[in-house]
Amino acid sequence: MPSCLNMCLEWWCYEILVLLTGRLSNPKRMVAIITIVFNFDYLLFSAMLSLATAASLRVSNELGAGRGMAARAAAYVSISMGSLGGLISAAAMAGARGWWGGVWCSAKTGES
């Protein structure tokens, strides 16, 4: 239940931010920009959520089998992979800042 509530609050915060962005000057542009950023964020979030789920399952299986050192190693690997994934995601988001908007606009208008 707490995990579900946490996920709901996170998604609701995104929606509230979109609504509040509509109150800024030039609201169409601002909402479009924040929507593009959030879509890119959702793409990265789904990969990190998959990694977290797999790591949780692996660590819990090792602990259930009574292999504490293997669970510790699996936890270290998952933290390392999560950190690496976060750095790669940040670099991808920063690197695609000029490209992603053009892809989004082409997909929405049907242009190539």
Protein backbone atom coordinates (compact mmCIF):
# COMPACT_ATOMS: atom_id res chain seq x y z
CA MET A 1 0.00 0.00 0.00
CA PRO A 2 2.73 2.57 0.80
CA SER A 3 4.45 1.81 -2.49
CA CYS A 4 1.20 2.29 -4.40
CA LEU A 5 0.51 5.55 -2.59
CA ASN A 6 4.04 6.75 -3.32
CA MET A 7 3.62 5.99 -7.02
CA CYS A 8 0.24 7.73 -7.16
CA LEU A 9 1.59 10.83 -5.42
CA GLU A 10 4.49 10.97 -7.85
CA TRP A 11 2.22 10.80 -10.89
CA TRP A 12 -0.21 13.30 -9.39
CA CYS A 13 2.67 15.72 -8.79
CA TYR A 14 3.50 15.54 -12.49
CA GLU A 15 -0.10 16.29 -13.40
CA ILE A 16 -0.29 19.19 -10.95
CA LEU A 17 2.93 20.62 -12.39
CA VAL A 18 1.44 20.51 -15.89
CA LEU A 19 -1.66 22.33 -14.64
CA LEU A 20 0.43 24.95 -12.83
CA THR A 21 2.64 25.41 -15.90
CA GLY A 22 -0.48 26.48 -17.79
CA ARG A 23 -0.60 29.56 -15.54
CA LEU A 24 2.77 30.85 -16.83
CA SER A 25 3.20 33.35 -19.64
CA ASN A 26 2.83 31.68 -23.06
CA PRO A 27 1.04 28.66 -21.55
CA LYS A 28 0.84 26.58 -24.75
CA ARG A 29 4.60 26.61 -25.18
CA MET A 30 5.32 26.04 -21.49
CA VAL A 31 2.94 23.07 -21.22
CA ALA A 32 4.42 21.61 -24.42
CA ILE A 33 7.94 21.91 -23.02
CA ILE A 34 7.12 20.35 -19.66
CA THR A 35 5.17 17.57 -21.38
CA ILE A 36 8.19 16.71 -23.54
CA VAL A 37 10.44 16.64 -20.47
CA PHE A 38 7.99 14.44 -18.56
CA ASN A 39 7.65 11.99 -21.45
CA PHE A 40 11.41 11.64 -21.60
CA ASP A 41 11.44 11.22 -17.82
CA TYR A 42 8.78 8.49 -18.01
CA LEU A 43 10.88 6.66 -20.58
CA LEU A 44 13.90 6.70 -18.28
CA PHE A 45 11.79 5.96 -15.19
CA SER A 46 10.41 2.75 -16.66
CA ALA A 47 13.92 1.39 -17.23
CA MET A 48 15.01 2.29 -13.70
CA LEU A 49 11.83 0.80 -12.20
CA SER A 50 12.53 -2.45 -14.04
CA LEU A 51 16.06 -2.50 -12.65
CA ALA A 52 14.79 -1.83 -9.13
CA THR A 53 12.22 -4.61 -9.35
CA ALA A 54 14.78 -7.11 -10.65
CA ALA A 55 17.29 -6.11 -7.96
CA SER A 56 14.70 -6.44 -5.21
CA LEU A 57 13.73 -9.89 -6.44
CA ARG A 58 17.36 -11.02 -6.71
CA VAL A 59 18.34 -9.78 -3.24
CA SER A 60 15.23 -11.25 -1.62
CA ASN A 61 15.84 -14.63 -3.29
CA GLU A 62 19.42 -14.68 -2.03
CA LEU A 63 18.31 -13.73 1.48
CA GLY A 64 15.57 -16.37 1.39
CA ALA A 65 18.14 -18.99 0.39
CA GLY A 66 20.30 -18.00 3.35
CA ARG A 67 23.12 -16.56 1.24
CA GLY A 68 23.78 -13.23 2.92
CA MET A 69 27.04 -12.50 1.12
CA ALA A 70 25.45 -13.15 -2.28
CA ALA A 71 22.58 -10.84 -1.31
CA ARG A 72 25.11 -8.15 -0.34
CA ALA A 73 26.93 -8.59 -3.67
CA ALA A 74 23.64 -8.41 -5.58
CA ALA A 75 22.72 -5.24 -3.69
CA TYR A 76 26.08 -3.64 -4.53
CA VAL A 77 25.70 -4.59 -8.18
CA SER A 78 22.19 -3.15 -8.30
CA ILE A 79 23.33 0.11 -6.65
CA SER A 80 26.22 0.35 -9.10
CA MET A 81 23.98 -0.35 -12.09
CA GLY A 82 21.39 2.12 -10.82
CA SER A 83 24.05 4.81 -10.42
CA LEU A 84 25.47 4.09 -13.86
CA GLY A 85 21.98 4.08 -15.34
CA GLY A 86 21.25 7.43 -13.67
CA LEU A 87 24.42 8.98 -15.07
CA ILE A 88 23.71 7.63 -18.55
CA SER A 89 20.11 8.85 -18.32
CA ALA A 90 21.22 12.32 -17.25
CA ALA A 91 23.72 12.46 -20.09
CA ALA A 92 21.07 11.27 -22.56
CA MET A 93 18.58 13.86 -21.35
CA ALA A 94 21.16 16.66 -21.54
CA GLY A 95 22.48 15.46 -24.88
CA ALA A 96 19.06 15.13 -26.49
CA ARG A 97 17.71 18.46 -25.28
CA GLY A 98 17.70 19.98 -28.77
CA TRP A 99 16.77 16.82 -30.64
CA TRP A 100 13.93 15.41 -28.52
CA GLY A 101 11.57 18.36 -29.06
CA GLY A 102 11.92 18.06 -32.83
CA VAL A 103 11.12 14.35 -32.72
CA TRP A 104 8.08 15.06 -30.54
CA CYS A 105 6.78 17.78 -32.86
CA SER A 106 7.31 15.61 -35.96
CA ALA A 107 5.43 12.71 -34.36
CA LYS A 108 2.53 14.93 -33.30
CA THR A 109 2.13 16.63 -36.70
CA GLY A 110 2.89 13.61 -38.85
CA GLU A 111 5.91 15.25 -40.49
CA SER A 112 9.17 13.43 -41.14
